[in-house]
Amino acid sequence: MIRGEDHKTRRVKHRDSEIPNEYAKNEIQFCDRKFYVDRRAYITDQDACLLVREVCKIIESLSDNPVVIDVGCGSGAIGLSIAMASKRIKHLLLTDISKVALQVAKVNCTRFSVAGNLVVPTTFWESDLLKSIPDDVKYNNSYINLKDEHLILVCAPPYGSVKDVGFYSEELRKN
């Protein structure tokens, strides 16, 4: 990496176009873990690790185990990192307006569950912010009534415009 260059500006030549290294490698390093990523989800900014640490501190200070909702989860890196760092989460709900971004989050969830790093029940929900999330979320054969739970909402939306950036998937550019 060139001195003064950050992860957002690193690019590689790939099939005659410049794309971020993370997409070329299908991997991001986030909060000391490797997450799968491709053009269907935005690259999670490393600054969001601070959000993960602060949310974990809040969770540890609570008397009950909360439900964490990651709004606009993309690859799932933030919500899954919180769930793996804090063993006191009752349930993790990953939401995104993009169906294809949720597919990337599911890949990461499966990856960490198989490795034994993620033991928190996780549900995925396609939703524009919180508009279509029901009061009762089904997981396996039981329901969690969100009205009765301590909820922690996290959201770290991407910033800047991607309308003219060709390396994002078509669906991601639409949303």
C-alpha atoms as a PDB file:
ATOM      1  CA  MET A   1       0.000   0.000   0.000  1.00  0.00           C
ATOM      2  CA  ILE A   2       1.261   3.475  -0.800  1.00  0.00           C
ATOM      3  CA  ARG A   3       1.840   5.777   2.196  1.00  0.00           C
ATOM      4  CA  GLY A   4      -1.165   8.043   2.682  1.00  0.00           C
ATOM      5  CA  GLU A   5      -3.482   5.739   0.730  1.00  0.00           C
ATOM      6  CA  ASP A   6      -6.446   4.268   2.608  1.00  0.00           C
ATOM      7  CA  HIS A   7      -8.515   1.156   1.940  1.00  0.00           C
ATOM      8  CA  LYS A   8     -11.157   3.121   0.030  1.00  0.00           C
ATOM      9  CA  THR A   9      -8.709   4.294  -2.622  1.00  0.00           C
ATOM     10  CA  ARG A  10      -6.823   1.041  -3.276  1.00  0.00           C
ATOM     11  CA  ARG A  11      -7.684  -0.265  -6.705  1.00  0.00           C
ATOM     12  CA  VAL A  12      -6.417  -3.050  -8.895  1.00  0.00           C
ATOM     13  CA  LYS A  13      -6.716  -3.636 -12.593  1.00  0.00           C
ATOM     14  CA  HIS A  14      -9.154  -6.498 -13.007  1.00  0.00           C
ATOM     15  CA  ARG A  15     -10.557  -7.431 -16.413  1.00  0.00           C
ATOM     16  CA  ASP A  16      -9.784  -3.996 -17.860  1.00  0.00           C
ATOM     17  CA  SER A  17     -11.539  -2.037 -15.094  1.00  0.00           C
ATOM     18  CA  GLU A  18     -10.458  -0.698 -11.765  1.00  0.00           C
ATOM     19  CA  ILE A  19     -12.175  -2.287  -8.789  1.00  0.00           C
ATOM     20  CA  PRO A  20     -11.423  -2.184  -5.079  1.00  0.00           C
ATOM     21  CA  ASN A  21      -8.963  -4.834  -3.878  1.00  0.00           C
ATOM     22  CA  GLU A  22     -11.619  -6.216  -1.546  1.00  0.00           C
ATOM     23  CA  TYR A  23     -13.889  -7.093  -4.464  1.00  0.00           C
ATOM     24  CA  ALA A  24     -11.013  -8.574  -6.453  1.00  0.00           C
ATOM     25  CA  LYS A  25     -10.107 -10.788  -3.469  1.00  0.00           C
ATOM     26  CA  ASN A  26     -13.744 -11.303  -2.340  1.00  0.00           C
ATOM     27  CA  GLU A  27     -12.650 -10.513   1.188  1.00  0.00           C
ATOM     28  CA  ILE A  28     -12.534  -7.710   3.723  1.00  0.00           C
ATOM     29  CA  GLN A  29     -10.683  -7.633   6.997  1.00  0.00           C
ATOM     30  CA  PHE A  30     -13.065  -6.180   9.579  1.00  0.00           C
ATOM     31  CA  CYS A  31     -12.683  -6.209  13.372  1.00  0.00           C
ATOM     32  CA  ASP A  32      -9.907  -8.817  13.125  1.00  0.00           C
ATOM     33  CA  ARG A  33     -12.014 -11.216  11.049  1.00  0.00           C
ATOM     34  CA  LYS A  34     -12.157 -12.005   7.357  1.00  0.00           C
ATOM     35  CA  PHE A  35     -15.565 -11.545   5.730  1.00  0.00           C
ATOM     36  CA  TYR A  36     -16.664 -12.552   2.258  1.00  0.00           C
ATOM     37  CA  VAL A  37     -17.688  -9.632   0.055  1.00  0.00           C
ATOM     38  CA  ASP A  38     -18.555  -9.118  -3.585  1.00  0.00           C
ATOM     39  CA  ARG A  39     -20.225  -6.476  -5.744  1.00  0.00           C
ATOM     40  CA  ARG A  40     -23.636  -7.250  -4.212  1.00  0.00           C
ATOM     41  CA  ALA A  41     -22.752  -5.469  -0.939  1.00  0.00           C
ATOM     42  CA  TYR A  42     -20.841  -2.335  -0.037  1.00  0.00           C
ATOM     43  CA  ILE A  43     -17.414  -2.641   1.532  1.00  0.00           C
ATOM     44  CA  THR A  44     -17.795  -2.001   5.257  1.00  0.00           C
ATOM     45  CA  ASP A  45     -15.707   0.959   6.379  1.00  0.00           C
ATOM     46  CA  GLN A  46     -13.042   0.124   8.959  1.00  0.00           C
ATOM     47  CA  ASP A  47     -14.243   3.040  11.103  1.00  0.00           C
ATOM     48  CA  ALA A  48     -17.329   0.957  11.892  1.00  0.00           C
ATOM     49  CA  CYS A  49     -15.174  -1.233  14.176  1.00  0.00           C
ATOM     50  CA  LEU A  50     -15.523   1.605  16.681  1.00  0.00           C
ATOM     51  CA  LEU A  51     -19.305   1.197  16.454  1.00  0.00           C
ATOM     52  CA  VAL A  52     -18.935  -2.538  17.119  1.00  0.00           C
ATOM     53  CA  ARG A  53     -16.807  -1.920  20.225  1.00  0.00           C
ATOM     54  CA  GLU A  54     -19.172   0.718  21.622  1.00  0.00           C
ATOM     55  CA  VAL A  55     -22.279  -1.401  21.072  1.00  0.00           C
ATOM     56  CA  CYS A  56     -20.575  -4.333  22.822  1.00  0.00           C
ATOM     57  CA  LYS A  57     -19.844  -2.096  25.822  1.00  0.00           C
ATOM     58  CA  ILE A  58     -23.516  -1.109  25.969  1.00  0.00           C
ATOM     59  CA  ILE A  59     -24.632  -4.744  25.747  1.00  0.00           C
ATOM     60  CA  GLU A  60     -22.331  -5.726  28.603  1.00  0.00           C
ATOM     61  CA  SER A  61     -23.821  -2.967  30.784  1.00  0.00           C
ATOM     62  CA  LEU A  62     -27.406  -4.199  30.315  1.00  0.00           C
ATOM     63  CA  SER A  63     -29.188  -6.423  32.799  1.00  0.00           C
ATOM     64  CA  ASP A  64     -30.913  -8.471  30.083  1.00  0.00           C
ATOM     65  CA  ASN A  65     -29.852  -9.952  26.759  1.00  0.00           C
ATOM     66  CA  PRO A  66     -30.949  -7.711  23.879  1.00  0.00           C
ATOM     67  CA  VAL A  67     -32.037  -8.354  20.320  1.00  0.00           C
ATOM     68  CA  VAL A  68     -29.631  -6.577  17.964  1.00  0.00           C
ATOM     69  CA  ILE A  69     -31.012  -5.286  14.664  1.00  0.00           C
ATOM     70  CA  ASP A  70     -28.463  -4.311  12.015  1.00  0.00           C
ATOM     71  CA  VAL A  71     -30.340  -2.015   9.622  1.00  0.00           C
ATOM     72  CA  GLY A  72     -28.870  -1.956   6.125  1.00  0.00           C
ATOM     73  CA  CYS A  73     -26.541  -4.813   7.022  1.00  0.00           C
ATOM     74  CA  GLY A  74     -24.936  -5.310   3.597  1.00  0.00           C
ATOM     75  CA  SER A  75     -22.363  -8.079   4.058  1.00  0.00           C
ATOM     76  CA  GLY A  76     -23.408  -8.486   7.692  1.00  0.00           C
ATOM     77  CA  ALA A  77     -19.941  -7.559   8.939  1.00  0.00           C
ATOM     78  CA  ILE A  78     -21.137  -5.162  11.652  1.00  0.00           C
ATOM     79  CA  GLY A  79     -23.992  -7.209  13.111  1.00  0.00           C
ATOM     80  CA  LEU A  80     -22.079 -10.471  12.927  1.00  0.00           C
ATOM     81  CA  SER A  81     -19.018  -8.866  14.548  1.00  0.00           C
ATOM     82  CA  ILE A  82     -21.183  -7.643  17.434  1.00  0.00           C
ATOM     83  CA  ALA A  83     -22.745 -11.086  17.802  1.00  0.00           C
ATOM     84  CA  MET A  84     -19.356 -12.797  17.874  1.00  0.00           C
ATOM     85  CA  ALA A  85     -17.816 -10.280  20.287  1.00  0.00           C
ATOM     86  CA  SER A  86     -20.693 -10.298  22.779  1.00  0.00           C
ATOM     87  CA  LYS A  87     -22.123 -13.632  23.878  1.00  0.00           C
ATOM     88  CA  ARG A  88     -25.052 -11.872  25.559  1.00  0.00           C
ATOM     89  CA  ILE A  89     -27.187 -11.295  22.480  1.00  0.00           C
ATOM     90  CA  LYS A  90     -30.537 -13.059  22.477  1.00  0.00           C
ATOM     91  CA  HIS A  91     -31.086 -12.754  18.723  1.00  0.00           C
ATOM     92  CA  LEU A  92     -29.517 -11.012  15.724  1.00  0.00           C
ATOM     93  CA  LEU A  93     -31.752  -9.597  12.994  1.00  0.00           C
ATOM     94  CA  LEU A  94     -29.959  -8.549   9.802  1.00  0.00           C
ATOM     95  CA  THR A  95     -32.039  -6.337   7.503  1.00  0.00           C
ATOM     96  CA  ASP A  96     -31.341  -4.793   4.117  1.00  0.00           C
ATOM     97  CA  ILE A  97     -33.391  -3.379   1.275  1.00  0.00           C
ATOM     98  CA  SER A  98     -31.250  -5.387  -1.128  1.00  0.00           C
ATOM     99  CA  LYS A  99     -32.014  -9.074  -1.521  1.00  0.00           C
ATOM    100  CA  VAL A 100     -28.583  -9.680  -3.064  1.00  0.00           C
ATOM    101  CA  ALA A 101     -26.787  -7.964  -0.176  1.00  0.00           C
ATOM    102  CA  LEU A 102     -28.649 -10.281   2.215  1.00  0.00           C
ATOM    103  CA  GLN A 103     -27.296 -13.216   0.206  1.00  0.00           C
ATOM    104  CA  VAL A 104     -23.765 -12.012   0.997  1.00  0.00           C
ATOM    105  CA  ALA A 105     -24.695 -11.648   4.691  1.00  0.00           C
ATOM    106  CA  LYS A 106     -25.986 -15.238   4.668  1.00  0.00           C
ATOM    107  CA  VAL A 107     -22.674 -16.455   3.239  1.00  0.00           C
ATOM    108  CA  ASN A 108     -20.838 -14.771   6.114  1.00  0.00           C
ATOM    109  CA  CYS A 109     -23.285 -16.046   8.710  1.00  0.00           C
ATOM    110  CA  THR A 110     -22.863 -19.607   7.459  1.00  0.00           C
ATOM    111  CA  ARG A 111     -19.092 -19.211   7.327  1.00  0.00           C
ATOM    112  CA  PHE A 112     -18.837 -18.122  10.970  1.00  0.00           C
ATOM    113  CA  SER A 113     -21.511 -20.534  12.232  1.00  0.00           C
ATOM    114  CA  VAL A 114     -19.727 -23.528  10.697  1.00  0.00           C
ATOM    115  CA  ALA A 115     -16.447 -22.358  12.264  1.00  0.00           C
ATOM    116  CA  GLY A 116     -18.164 -22.230  15.666  1.00  0.00           C
ATOM    117  CA  ASN A 117     -17.597 -18.472  16.087  1.00  0.00           C
ATOM    118  CA  LEU A 118     -21.263 -17.515  15.808  1.00  0.00           C
ATOM    119  CA  VAL A 119     -23.718 -19.109  18.209  1.00  0.00           C
ATOM    120  CA  VAL A 120     -26.403 -16.410  18.223  1.00  0.00           C
ATOM    121  CA  PRO A 121     -29.718 -17.191  16.480  1.00  0.00           C
ATOM    122  CA  THR A 122     -29.806 -15.038  13.345  1.00  0.00           C
ATOM    123  CA  THR A 123     -32.686 -13.998  11.095  1.00  0.00           C
ATOM    124  CA  PHE A 124     -32.492 -12.177   7.751  1.00  0.00           C
ATOM    125  CA  TRP A 125     -35.172  -9.767   6.624  1.00  0.00           C
ATOM    126  CA  GLU A 126     -35.551  -7.830   3.379  1.00  0.00           C
ATOM    127  CA  SER A 127     -36.792  -4.415   4.427  1.00  0.00           C
ATOM    128  CA  ASP A 128     -36.503  -0.732   3.603  1.00  0.00           C
ATOM    129  CA  LEU A 129     -35.117   0.381   6.962  1.00  0.00           C
ATOM    130  CA  LEU A 130     -37.639  -1.034   9.485  1.00  0.00           C
ATOM    131  CA  LYS A 131     -40.804  -0.651   7.400  1.00  0.00           C
ATOM    132  CA  SER A 132     -41.712  -4.302   6.876  1.00  0.00           C
ATOM    133  CA  ILE A 133     -40.342  -5.954  10.011  1.00  0.00           C
ATOM    134  CA  PRO A 134     -43.186  -7.660  11.890  1.00  0.00           C
ATOM    135  CA  ASP A 135     -43.633  -7.555  15.657  1.00  0.00           C
ATOM    136  CA  ASP A 136     -43.093 -11.316  15.822  1.00  0.00           C
ATOM    137  CA  VAL A 137     -39.949 -12.665  14.175  1.00  0.00           C
ATOM    138  CA  LYS A 138     -39.943 -16.393  13.540  1.00  0.00           C
ATOM    139  CA  TYR A 139     -36.777 -18.360  14.144  1.00  0.00           C
ATOM    140  CA  ASN A 140     -36.856 -22.138  13.721  1.00  0.00           C
ATOM    141  CA  ASN A 141     -40.073 -23.194  15.486  1.00  0.00           C
ATOM    142  CA  SER A 142     -40.413 -20.270  17.871  1.00  0.00           C
ATOM    143  CA  TYR A 143     -41.219 -16.579  17.727  1.00  0.00           C
ATOM    144  CA  ILE A 144     -39.583 -13.544  19.279  1.00  0.00           C
ATOM    145  CA  ASN A 145     -41.967 -10.686  19.959  1.00  0.00           C
ATOM    146  CA  LEU A 146     -39.879  -7.589  19.292  1.00  0.00           C
ATOM    147  CA  LYS A 147     -42.269  -5.414  21.314  1.00  0.00           C
ATOM    148  CA  ASP A 148     -41.321  -7.357  24.448  1.00  0.00           C
ATOM    149  CA  GLU A 149     -37.551  -7.273  23.900  1.00  0.00           C
ATOM    150  CA  HIS A 150     -34.738  -4.887  24.678  1.00  0.00           C
ATOM    151  CA  LEU A 151     -33.703  -3.755  21.183  1.00  0.00           C
ATOM    152  CA  ILE A 152     -30.420  -2.309  20.012  1.00  0.00           C
ATOM    153  CA  LEU A 153     -30.489  -0.847  16.518  1.00  0.00           C
ATOM    154  CA  VAL A 154     -27.228  -0.369  14.660  1.00  0.00           C
ATOM    155  CA  CYS A 155     -26.862   1.279  11.303  1.00  0.00           C
ATOM    156  CA  ALA A 156     -23.763   2.371   9.400  1.00  0.00           C
ATOM    157  CA  PRO A 157     -25.049   3.269   5.961  1.00  0.00           C
ATOM    158  CA  PRO A 158     -22.654   3.792   3.072  1.00  0.00           C
ATOM    159  CA  TYR A 159     -21.948   7.389   2.243  1.00  0.00           C
ATOM    160  CA  GLY A 160     -21.337   9.054  -1.093  1.00  0.00           C
ATOM    161  CA  SER A 161     -22.971   8.295  -4.421  1.00  0.00           C
ATOM    162  CA  VAL A 162     -22.488   5.008  -6.243  1.00  0.00           C
ATOM    163  CA  LYS A 163     -24.873   5.743  -9.127  1.00  0.00           C
ATOM    164  CA  ASP A 164     -22.004   6.112 -11.596  1.00  0.00           C
ATOM    165  CA  VAL A 165     -19.686   3.471 -10.170  1.00  0.00           C
ATOM    166  CA  GLY A 166     -19.668   0.493 -12.494  1.00  0.00           C
ATOM    167  CA  PHE A 167     -18.209  -2.131 -10.158  1.00  0.00           C
ATOM    168  CA  TYR A 168     -21.302  -2.353  -7.927  1.00  0.00           C
ATOM    169  CA  SER A 169     -24.049  -4.776  -8.905  1.00  0.00           C
ATOM    170  CA  GLU A 170     -27.053  -3.352 -10.754  1.00  0.00           C
ATOM    171  CA  GLU A 171     -29.417  -4.045  -7.852  1.00  0.00           C
ATOM    172  CA  LEU A 172     -27.113  -2.332  -5.377  1.00  0.00           C
ATOM    173  CA  ARG A 173     -26.949   0.787  -7.568  1.00  0.00           C
ATOM    174  CA  LYS A 174     -30.767   0.904  -7.760  1.00  0.00           C
ATOM    175  CA  ASN A 175     -31.115   0.963  -3.982  1.00  0.00           C
END
